[in-house]
Amino acid sequence: MQMTDRHREYWQRNLRITGILLAIWFVVTFVVAFFARNLNFNFFGWPFSFWVGAQGALVVYVILIWFYARYMNKLDQEYGVAEEE
């Protein structure tokens, strides 16, 4: 099956958003958690480093999933490949 320019454009946009979200995931998981241990103050009664590792990262992950689902639904509709509900 030959890919048309429209298929390539759809796939490129899909790969671009996936790469951006994976970069955000990496930063939240490894970079922020690594440097948060140097922050010595309480946040909602817990050390900030604990909050970032245990709670903050989970909030960001949920937001990433929500954003990806909304973006891909919009992209699917734009390119006419949306699933019927």
N, C-alpha and C. Protein backbone atom coordinates (compact mmCIF):
# COMPACT_ATOMS: atom_id res chain seq x y z
N MET A 1 0.83 -1.17 0.00
CA MET A 1 0.00 0.00 0.00
C MET A 1 0.88 1.24 0.00
N GLN A 2 0.63 2.13 -0.92
CA GLN A 2 1.39 3.38 -1.02
C GLN A 2 0.86 4.39 -0.01
N MET A 3 1.79 5.08 0.65
CA MET A 3 1.38 6.14 1.56
C MET A 3 1.29 7.44 0.79
N THR A 4 0.19 8.12 0.97
CA THR A 4 0.03 9.41 0.32
C THR A 4 0.70 10.49 1.17
N ASP A 5 0.79 11.68 0.61
CA ASP A 5 1.36 12.79 1.36
C ASP A 5 0.54 13.09 2.61
N ARG A 6 -0.75 12.91 2.52
CA ARG A 6 -1.62 13.15 3.67
C ARG A 6 -1.34 12.15 4.78
N HIS A 7 -1.11 10.87 4.43
CA HIS A 7 -0.74 9.86 5.42
C HIS A 7 0.59 10.21 6.08
N ARG A 8 1.55 10.62 5.28
CA ARG A 8 2.87 10.99 5.83
C ARG A 8 2.76 12.18 6.78
N GLU A 9 1.95 13.16 6.40
CA GLU A 9 1.78 14.33 7.25
C GLU A 9 1.12 13.94 8.59
N TYR A 10 0.11 13.08 8.52
CA TYR A 10 -0.55 12.59 9.73
C TYR A 10 0.46 11.86 10.62
N TRP A 11 1.23 10.97 10.01
CA TRP A 11 2.19 10.19 10.78
C TRP A 11 3.28 11.08 11.37
N GLN A 12 3.75 12.08 10.63
CA GLN A 12 4.76 13.01 11.15
C GLN A 12 4.23 13.79 12.34
N ARG A 13 3.00 14.25 12.27
CA ARG A 13 2.41 14.98 13.40
C ARG A 13 2.24 14.07 14.60
N ASN A 14 1.87 12.81 14.36
CA ASN A 14 1.75 11.83 15.43
C ASN A 14 3.11 11.59 16.09
N LEU A 15 4.14 11.40 15.30
CA LEU A 15 5.48 11.18 15.85
C LEU A 15 6.00 12.41 16.59
N ARG A 16 5.71 13.59 16.09
CA ARG A 16 6.17 14.82 16.73
C ARG A 16 5.56 14.96 18.12
N ILE A 17 4.25 14.77 18.25
CA ILE A 17 3.61 14.93 19.56
C ILE A 17 4.05 13.82 20.51
N THR A 18 4.26 12.61 19.99
CA THR A 18 4.74 11.52 20.83
C THR A 18 6.15 11.82 21.35
N GLY A 19 7.01 12.34 20.49
CA GLY A 19 8.37 12.71 20.92
C GLY A 19 8.37 13.81 21.96
N ILE A 20 7.52 14.81 21.78
CA ILE A 20 7.45 15.91 22.75
C ILE A 20 6.96 15.39 24.09
N LEU A 21 5.93 14.56 24.08
CA LEU A 21 5.39 14.04 25.34
C LEU A 21 6.37 13.09 26.02
N LEU A 22 7.12 12.32 25.25
CA LEU A 22 8.15 11.46 25.84
C LEU A 22 9.28 12.28 26.46
N ALA A 23 9.62 13.40 25.84
CA ALA A 23 10.64 14.28 26.42
C ALA A 23 10.15 14.87 27.74
N ILE A 24 8.89 15.29 27.78
CA ILE A 24 8.33 15.81 29.04
C ILE A 24 8.32 14.71 30.10
N TRP A 25 7.92 13.50 29.71
CA TRP A 25 7.92 12.37 30.63
C TRP A 25 9.32 12.14 31.20
N PHE A 26 10.33 12.16 30.35
CA PHE A 26 11.70 11.94 30.79
C PHE A 26 12.14 13.01 31.78
N VAL A 27 11.85 14.26 31.46
CA VAL A 27 12.25 15.37 32.34
C VAL A 27 11.57 15.22 33.70
N VAL A 28 10.28 14.93 33.71
CA VAL A 28 9.55 14.79 34.98
C VAL A 28 10.05 13.59 35.78
N THR A 29 10.29 12.49 35.10
CA THR A 29 10.68 11.26 35.79
C THR A 29 12.10 11.32 36.33
N PHE A 30 13.04 11.78 35.54
CA PHE A 30 14.43 11.70 35.93
C PHE A 30 15.05 13.04 36.34
N VAL A 31 14.86 14.06 35.57
CA VAL A 31 15.55 15.33 35.82
C VAL A 31 14.96 16.04 37.04
N VAL A 32 13.66 16.25 37.05
CA VAL A 32 13.04 16.96 38.17
C VAL A 32 13.22 16.18 39.47
N ALA A 33 12.98 14.88 39.44
CA ALA A 33 13.13 14.07 40.65
C ALA A 33 14.57 14.09 41.15
N PHE A 34 15.54 14.10 40.26
CA PHE A 34 16.95 14.12 40.67
C PHE A 34 17.30 15.42 41.37
N PHE A 35 16.87 16.54 40.80
CA PHE A 35 17.22 17.83 41.38
C PHE A 35 16.31 18.23 42.54
N ALA A 36 15.16 17.61 42.68
CA ALA A 36 14.23 17.96 43.76
C ALA A 36 14.79 17.59 45.12
N ARG A 37 15.67 16.63 45.20
CA ARG A 37 16.21 16.24 46.50
C ARG A 37 17.04 17.35 47.14
N ASN A 38 17.48 18.32 46.34
CA ASN A 38 18.22 19.45 46.89
C ASN A 38 17.32 20.54 47.43
N LEU A 39 16.02 20.43 47.20
CA LEU A 39 15.07 21.43 47.67
C LEU A 39 14.59 21.02 49.06
N ASN A 40 15.03 21.74 50.06
CA ASN A 40 14.73 21.36 51.44
C ASN A 40 13.69 22.27 52.05
N PHE A 41 12.45 22.12 51.63
CA PHE A 41 11.35 22.84 52.27
C PHE A 41 10.11 21.97 52.22
N ASN A 42 9.18 22.24 53.12
CA ASN A 42 7.95 21.45 53.21
C ASN A 42 6.91 22.00 52.24
N PHE A 43 6.18 21.07 51.65
CA PHE A 43 5.13 21.40 50.70
C PHE A 43 3.93 20.56 51.08
N PHE A 44 2.86 21.17 51.56
CA PHE A 44 1.69 20.46 52.07
C PHE A 44 2.05 19.47 53.17
N GLY A 45 3.00 19.83 54.01
CA GLY A 45 3.37 19.00 55.15
C GLY A 45 4.39 17.92 54.87
N TRP A 46 4.85 17.81 53.65
CA TRP A 46 5.84 16.79 53.28
C TRP A 46 7.05 17.48 52.66
N PRO A 47 8.21 16.84 52.73
CA PRO A 47 9.36 17.43 52.02
C PRO A 47 9.05 17.54 50.53
N PHE A 48 9.46 18.62 49.93
CA PHE A 48 9.14 18.87 48.53
C PHE A 48 9.66 17.76 47.62
N SER A 49 10.83 17.23 47.90
CA SER A 49 11.38 16.16 47.06
C SER A 49 10.49 14.93 47.07
N PHE A 50 9.92 14.60 48.22
CA PHE A 50 9.00 13.46 48.30
C PHE A 50 7.74 13.76 47.48
N TRP A 51 7.21 14.98 47.63
CA TRP A 51 5.99 15.34 46.92
C TRP A 51 6.19 15.26 45.41
N VAL A 52 7.33 15.76 44.92
CA VAL A 52 7.60 15.71 43.47
C VAL A 52 7.66 14.26 43.00
N GLY A 53 8.36 13.42 43.74
CA GLY A 53 8.52 12.03 43.31
C GLY A 53 7.26 11.20 43.44
N ALA A 54 6.49 11.43 44.52
CA ALA A 54 5.35 10.57 44.79
C ALA A 54 4.04 11.10 44.23
N GLN A 55 3.88 12.41 44.20
CA GLN A 55 2.59 12.97 43.80
C GLN A 55 2.67 13.81 42.53
N GLY A 56 3.63 14.69 42.48
CA GLY A 56 3.73 15.61 41.36
C GLY A 56 3.90 14.92 40.02
N ALA A 57 4.73 13.89 39.99
CA ALA A 57 4.95 13.17 38.74
C ALA A 57 3.67 12.49 38.27
N LEU A 58 2.91 11.93 39.19
CA LEU A 58 1.66 11.27 38.80
C LEU A 58 0.66 12.26 38.21
N VAL A 59 0.61 13.45 38.76
CA VAL A 59 -0.28 14.47 38.22
C VAL A 59 0.13 14.82 36.79
N VAL A 60 1.42 14.97 36.57
CA VAL A 60 1.91 15.29 35.23
C VAL A 60 1.60 14.15 34.26
N TYR A 61 1.74 12.89 34.69
CA TYR A 61 1.46 11.76 33.82
C TYR A 61 -0.01 11.74 33.40
N VAL A 62 -0.90 12.00 34.34
CA VAL A 62 -2.33 12.03 34.01
C VAL A 62 -2.62 13.15 33.02
N ILE A 63 -2.01 14.32 33.22
CA ILE A 63 -2.19 15.43 32.29
C ILE A 63 -1.66 15.07 30.90
N LEU A 64 -0.51 14.40 30.85
CA LEU A 64 0.05 13.98 29.56
C LEU A 64 -0.90 13.04 28.83
N ILE A 65 -1.48 12.07 29.53
CA ILE A 65 -2.39 11.12 28.90
C ILE A 65 -3.64 11.85 28.42
N TRP A 66 -4.18 12.73 29.24
CA TRP A 66 -5.37 13.50 28.87
C TRP A 66 -5.10 14.35 27.63
N PHE A 67 -3.95 15.04 27.61
CA PHE A 67 -3.60 15.88 26.48
C PHE A 67 -3.42 15.06 25.21
N TYR A 68 -2.72 13.91 25.31
CA TYR A 68 -2.49 13.07 24.14
C TYR A 68 -3.81 12.55 23.56
N ALA A 69 -4.71 12.12 24.42
CA ALA A 69 -6.00 11.60 23.94
C ALA A 69 -6.79 12.69 23.22
N ARG A 70 -6.85 13.87 23.80
CA ARG A 70 -7.58 14.97 23.15
C ARG A 70 -6.94 15.38 21.84
N TYR A 71 -5.61 15.48 21.83
CA TYR A 71 -4.89 15.88 20.62
C TYR A 71 -5.09 14.85 19.50
N MET A 72 -4.97 13.58 19.83
CA MET A 72 -5.10 12.55 18.81
C MET A 72 -6.53 12.45 18.30
N ASN A 73 -7.52 12.64 19.16
CA ASN A 73 -8.91 12.66 18.68
C ASN A 73 -9.12 13.79 17.69
N LYS A 74 -8.58 14.97 18.02
CA LYS A 74 -8.70 16.11 17.11
C LYS A 74 -7.96 15.85 15.80
N LEU A 75 -6.77 15.27 15.90
CA LEU A 75 -5.98 14.97 14.71
C LEU A 75 -6.68 13.92 13.85
N ASP A 76 -7.25 12.90 14.47
CA ASP A 76 -7.99 11.87 13.73
C ASP A 76 -9.16 12.48 12.98
N GLN A 77 -9.89 13.37 13.63
CA GLN A 77 -11.02 14.02 12.97
C GLN A 77 -10.56 14.91 11.82
N GLU A 78 -9.44 15.59 12.03
CA GLU A 78 -8.91 16.47 10.98
C GLU A 78 -8.52 15.69 9.73
N TYR A 79 -7.98 14.49 9.92
CA TYR A 79 -7.53 13.70 8.78
C TYR A 79 -8.55 12.64 8.35
N GLY A 80 -9.71 12.63 8.99
CA GLY A 80 -10.78 11.73 8.56
C GLY A 80 -10.57 10.28 8.91
N VAL A 81 -9.85 10.00 9.98
CA VAL A 81 -9.63 8.62 10.40
C VAL A 81 -10.20 8.35 11.78
N ALA A 82 -11.10 9.20 12.24
CA ALA A 82 -11.67 9.05 13.57
C ALA A 82 -12.58 7.82 13.61
N GLU A 83 -12.58 7.16 14.77
CA GLU A 83 -13.44 6.01 14.96
C GLU A 83 -14.84 6.49 15.32
N GLU A 84 -15.81 5.75 14.88
CA GLU A 84 -17.20 6.09 15.19
C GLU A 84 -17.49 5.65 16.62
N GLU A 85 -18.31 6.43 17.32
CA GLU A 85 -18.65 6.07 18.70
C GLU A 85 -19.96 5.35 18.77
